[in-house]
Amino acid sequence: MWTPKLDAKYPNGVVFTDEGFPDFSPYVKDEWPPVVIEPNFSGDRYQDEKIANEAVGLEETPEDRTWHHHEDGKTLLLIPTDIHKAVRHAGGVAIVNGLDQ
């Protein structure tokens, strides 16, 4: 749930695409660029996160960050956990696993 505290921390909020997906790209740090898994996500979020962490040189995901599975089915974005939790959405894992139906 979006709170006044989050509103103060992220005054621009989260914009949604015309298809109804959140655009978290403004919250990606340059030091951890998006990671593309080809041909697409495995459907196992932990395996995907391991691959993504290795790709950006992390041993593990930072405590205050979450790998967001983009709706394209292959791109992972490392974003703040608080904003990821606050914005209800069907992400790429749900789409790949057919759970967004």
Protein backbone atom coordinates (compact mmCIF):
# COMPACT_ATOMS: atom_id res chain seq x y z
CA MET A 1 0.00 0.00 0.00
CA TRP A 2 1.24 3.48 -0.87
CA THR A 3 1.74 5.57 2.28
CA PRO A 4 2.50 9.23 3.05
CA LYS A 5 6.04 8.12 4.00
CA LEU A 6 6.53 6.57 0.54
CA ASP A 7 4.99 9.65 -1.05
CA ALA A 8 7.62 11.79 0.66
CA LYS A 9 10.44 9.40 -0.28
CA TYR A 10 9.28 8.93 -3.89
CA PRO A 11 7.43 12.16 -4.82
CA ASN A 12 7.12 11.10 -8.47
CA GLY A 13 5.43 7.85 -7.48
CA VAL A 14 5.18 5.07 -10.03
CA VAL A 15 3.79 5.62 -13.51
CA PHE A 16 1.90 2.78 -15.19
CA THR A 17 2.14 1.83 -18.86
CA ASP A 18 -0.89 1.83 -21.14
CA GLU A 19 -0.98 -1.95 -20.59
CA GLY A 20 -1.28 -1.44 -16.82
CA PHE A 21 2.25 -2.42 -15.76
CA PRO A 22 4.33 -0.31 -13.35
CA ASP A 23 7.35 1.47 -14.79
CA PHE A 24 10.02 1.03 -12.13
CA SER A 25 12.87 2.13 -14.42
CA PRO A 26 13.36 5.54 -12.71
CA TYR A 27 14.37 3.65 -9.55
CA VAL A 28 17.17 1.57 -11.11
CA LYS A 29 20.66 2.67 -10.02
CA ASP A 30 23.36 3.01 -12.68
CA GLU A 31 25.65 0.70 -10.69
CA TRP A 32 23.11 -2.14 -11.06
CA PRO A 33 21.78 -1.94 -14.62
CA PRO A 34 18.87 -4.05 -15.86
CA VAL A 35 19.74 -7.68 -16.55
CA VAL A 36 18.31 -9.56 -19.52
CA ILE A 37 17.91 -13.34 -19.24
CA GLU A 38 17.74 -14.99 -22.66
CA PRO A 39 15.53 -16.36 -23.97
CA ASN A 40 13.35 -15.55 -20.92
CA PHE A 41 12.86 -16.03 -17.18
CA SER A 42 13.07 -19.55 -15.81
CA GLY A 43 9.83 -19.09 -13.87
CA ASP A 44 11.82 -19.66 -10.67
CA ARG A 45 12.38 -16.24 -9.10
CA TYR A 46 15.30 -17.46 -6.95
CA GLN A 47 17.19 -18.89 -9.92
CA ASP A 48 16.58 -15.70 -11.91
CA GLU A 49 17.79 -13.56 -9.00
CA LYS A 50 20.97 -15.63 -8.71
CA ILE A 51 21.70 -15.08 -12.41
CA ALA A 52 20.96 -11.36 -12.11
CA ASN A 53 23.15 -10.90 -9.03
CA GLU A 54 26.06 -12.59 -10.78
CA ALA A 55 25.53 -10.41 -13.86
CA VAL A 56 25.91 -7.18 -11.84
CA GLY A 57 28.67 -8.47 -9.56
CA LEU A 58 26.66 -9.02 -6.39
CA GLU A 59 27.01 -12.05 -4.13
CA GLU A 60 23.43 -11.57 -3.01
CA THR A 61 20.60 -9.11 -3.38
CA PRO A 62 20.99 -6.09 -1.08
CA GLU A 63 18.51 -6.13 1.82
CA ASP A 64 16.78 -2.95 0.70
CA ARG A 65 16.45 -4.04 -2.94
CA THR A 66 14.26 -6.46 -4.89
CA TRP A 67 14.69 -7.88 -8.37
CA HIS A 68 11.54 -6.90 -10.27
CA HIS A 69 10.67 -9.28 -13.08
CA HIS A 70 9.63 -7.04 -15.97
CA GLU A 71 6.55 -7.95 -17.97
CA ASP A 72 8.67 -8.58 -21.10
CA GLY A 73 9.55 -11.96 -19.58
CA LYS A 74 13.31 -11.50 -19.65
CA THR A 75 14.42 -8.23 -18.00
CA LEU A 76 15.15 -7.88 -14.28
CA LEU A 77 15.34 -4.49 -12.55
CA LEU A 78 16.95 -4.07 -9.14
CA ILE A 79 14.71 -1.57 -7.35
CA PRO A 80 13.95 -0.48 -3.77
CA THR A 81 12.01 -3.18 -1.94
CA ASP A 82 9.65 -0.72 -0.29
CA ILE A 83 8.40 0.65 -3.60
CA HIS A 84 8.13 -2.86 -5.10
CA LYS A 85 6.01 -4.05 -2.17
CA ALA A 86 3.82 -0.93 -2.19
CA VAL A 87 2.79 -1.19 -5.83
CA ARG A 88 0.43 -4.09 -6.47
CA HIS A 89 1.15 -5.63 -9.84
CA ALA A 90 1.43 -8.80 -11.87
CA GLY A 91 5.10 -9.05 -12.77
CA GLY A 92 7.06 -11.13 -15.22
CA VAL A 93 7.12 -14.30 -13.08
CA ALA A 94 3.32 -14.33 -12.96
CA ILE A 95 3.18 -13.86 -16.72
CA VAL A 96 5.78 -16.55 -17.48
CA ASN A 97 4.03 -18.98 -15.13
CA GLY A 98 0.56 -18.09 -16.46
CA LEU A 99 -0.60 -16.76 -13.08
CA ASP A 100 -1.78 -13.42 -14.44
CA GLN A 101 -4.91 -14.93 -15.98
